[in-house]
Amino acid sequence: MIHYHQLITSTRFGSGFEVTLPGDGTYFLLLDSFSNSLANYRFQVV
């Protein structure tokens, strides 16, 4: 089954979150900000 343009989660950064993807496939991570300040990101894929 193919799902296009499906939002998996939406959260404010500054807090961690966990997500279980609905199936095998290719996923894209989109980060967006309304701030001009730099931010550090850390990801762990298990």
N, C-alpha and C. Protein backbone atom coordinates (compact mmCIF):
# COMPACT_ATOMS: atom_id res chain seq x y z
N MET A 1 0.85 -1.17 0.00
CA MET A 1 0.00 0.00 0.00
C MET A 1 0.89 1.23 0.00
N ILE A 2 0.58 2.20 -0.82
CA ILE A 2 1.37 3.42 -0.92
C ILE A 2 0.56 4.59 -0.38
N HIS A 3 1.17 5.35 0.51
CA HIS A 3 0.53 6.55 1.07
C HIS A 3 1.38 7.74 0.66
N TYR A 4 0.80 8.69 -0.01
CA TYR A 4 1.51 9.90 -0.40
C TYR A 4 1.05 11.07 0.46
N HIS A 5 1.99 11.93 0.80
CA HIS A 5 1.70 13.17 1.53
C HIS A 5 0.94 12.90 2.83
N GLN A 6 1.38 11.92 3.55
CA GLN A 6 0.72 11.57 4.81
C GLN A 6 1.56 12.12 5.95
N LEU A 7 0.95 12.91 6.81
CA LEU A 7 1.62 13.44 7.98
C LEU A 7 1.68 12.34 9.04
N ILE A 8 2.89 11.98 9.43
CA ILE A 8 3.06 10.94 10.45
C ILE A 8 2.95 11.55 11.84
N THR A 9 3.62 12.68 12.06
CA THR A 9 3.53 13.37 13.34
C THR A 9 3.88 14.83 13.15
N SER A 10 3.41 15.63 14.04
CA SER A 10 3.75 17.05 14.07
C SER A 10 3.99 17.41 15.52
N THR A 11 5.14 17.97 15.81
CA THR A 11 5.47 18.29 17.20
C THR A 11 6.33 19.53 17.25
N ARG A 12 6.34 20.18 18.37
CA ARG A 12 7.24 21.31 18.58
C ARG A 12 8.59 20.76 18.99
N PHE A 13 9.63 21.33 18.42
CA PHE A 13 10.96 20.90 18.83
C PHE A 13 11.27 21.48 20.19
N GLY A 14 12.21 20.88 20.85
CA GLY A 14 12.48 21.21 22.23
C GLY A 14 12.01 20.07 23.12
N SER A 15 11.21 19.20 22.52
CA SER A 15 10.80 17.99 23.21
C SER A 15 10.98 16.82 22.26
N GLY A 16 11.35 15.70 22.79
CA GLY A 16 11.55 14.52 21.96
C GLY A 16 10.23 13.89 21.57
N PHE A 17 10.27 13.04 20.59
CA PHE A 17 9.06 12.31 20.23
C PHE A 17 9.46 10.99 19.60
N GLU A 18 8.55 10.06 19.62
CA GLU A 18 8.74 8.74 19.05
C GLU A 18 7.62 8.50 18.06
N VAL A 19 7.93 7.81 16.97
CA VAL A 19 6.90 7.51 15.99
C VAL A 19 7.14 6.12 15.42
N THR A 20 6.08 5.39 15.17
CA THR A 20 6.15 4.10 14.50
C THR A 20 5.59 4.29 13.10
N LEU A 21 6.40 4.01 12.10
CA LEU A 21 5.98 4.20 10.72
C LEU A 21 5.01 3.10 10.30
N PRO A 22 4.05 3.42 9.43
CA PRO A 22 3.00 2.47 9.11
C PRO A 22 3.41 1.30 8.22
N GLY A 23 4.61 1.31 7.65
CA GLY A 23 5.02 0.20 6.80
C GLY A 23 6.38 0.44 6.19
N ASP A 24 6.83 -0.53 5.40
CA ASP A 24 8.10 -0.41 4.70
C ASP A 24 8.00 0.67 3.63
N GLY A 25 9.15 1.21 3.24
CA GLY A 25 9.14 2.19 2.16
C GLY A 25 10.14 3.29 2.39
N THR A 26 10.05 4.30 1.57
CA THR A 26 10.92 5.47 1.66
C THR A 26 10.15 6.59 2.34
N TYR A 27 10.77 7.20 3.33
CA TYR A 27 10.15 8.30 4.06
C TYR A 27 11.05 9.52 3.97
N PHE A 28 10.47 10.69 4.03
CA PHE A 28 11.21 11.95 4.02
C PHE A 28 10.92 12.68 5.32
N LEU A 29 11.98 13.24 5.89
CA LEU A 29 11.84 14.02 7.12
C LEU A 29 11.90 15.49 6.73
N LEU A 30 10.87 16.22 7.05
CA LEU A 30 10.81 17.65 6.74
C LEU A 30 10.89 18.43 8.04
N LEU A 31 11.87 19.32 8.12
CA LEU A 31 12.01 20.21 9.26
C LEU A 31 11.71 21.62 8.79
N ASP A 32 10.88 22.32 9.51
CA ASP A 32 10.50 23.67 9.13
C ASP A 32 10.53 24.55 10.37
N SER A 33 10.89 25.80 10.19
CA SER A 33 10.99 26.71 11.32
C SER A 33 10.59 28.12 10.88
N PHE A 34 10.02 28.84 11.81
CA PHE A 34 9.70 30.25 11.58
C PHE A 34 10.71 31.15 12.27
N SER A 35 11.79 30.57 12.78
CA SER A 35 12.82 31.31 13.50
C SER A 35 14.07 31.42 12.64
N ASN A 36 14.80 32.50 12.80
CA ASN A 36 16.06 32.68 12.08
C ASN A 36 17.25 32.15 12.86
N SER A 37 17.05 31.71 14.09
CA SER A 37 18.16 31.22 14.90
C SER A 37 18.49 29.77 14.54
N LEU A 38 19.76 29.42 14.75
CA LEU A 38 20.22 28.06 14.46
C LEU A 38 19.73 27.09 15.52
N ALA A 39 19.59 25.85 15.13
CA ALA A 39 19.16 24.81 16.06
C ALA A 39 19.99 23.56 15.82
N ASN A 40 20.24 22.81 16.89
CA ASN A 40 20.93 21.53 16.78
C ASN A 40 19.88 20.42 16.76
N TYR A 41 20.06 19.47 15.86
CA TYR A 41 19.13 18.35 15.75
C TYR A 41 19.89 17.05 15.98
N ARG A 42 19.22 16.08 16.55
CA ARG A 42 19.79 14.75 16.74
C ARG A 42 18.69 13.74 16.45
N PHE A 43 19.04 12.72 15.66
CA PHE A 43 18.06 11.71 15.26
C PHE A 43 18.59 10.33 15.61
N GLN A 44 17.70 9.46 16.00
CA GLN A 44 18.05 8.07 16.25
C GLN A 44 16.99 7.22 15.56
N VAL A 45 17.42 6.40 14.63
CA VAL A 45 16.51 5.50 13.91
C VAL A 45 16.81 4.09 14.37
N VAL A 46 15.79 3.40 14.85
CA VAL A 46 15.97 2.05 15.38
C VAL A 46 15.18 1.08 14.52
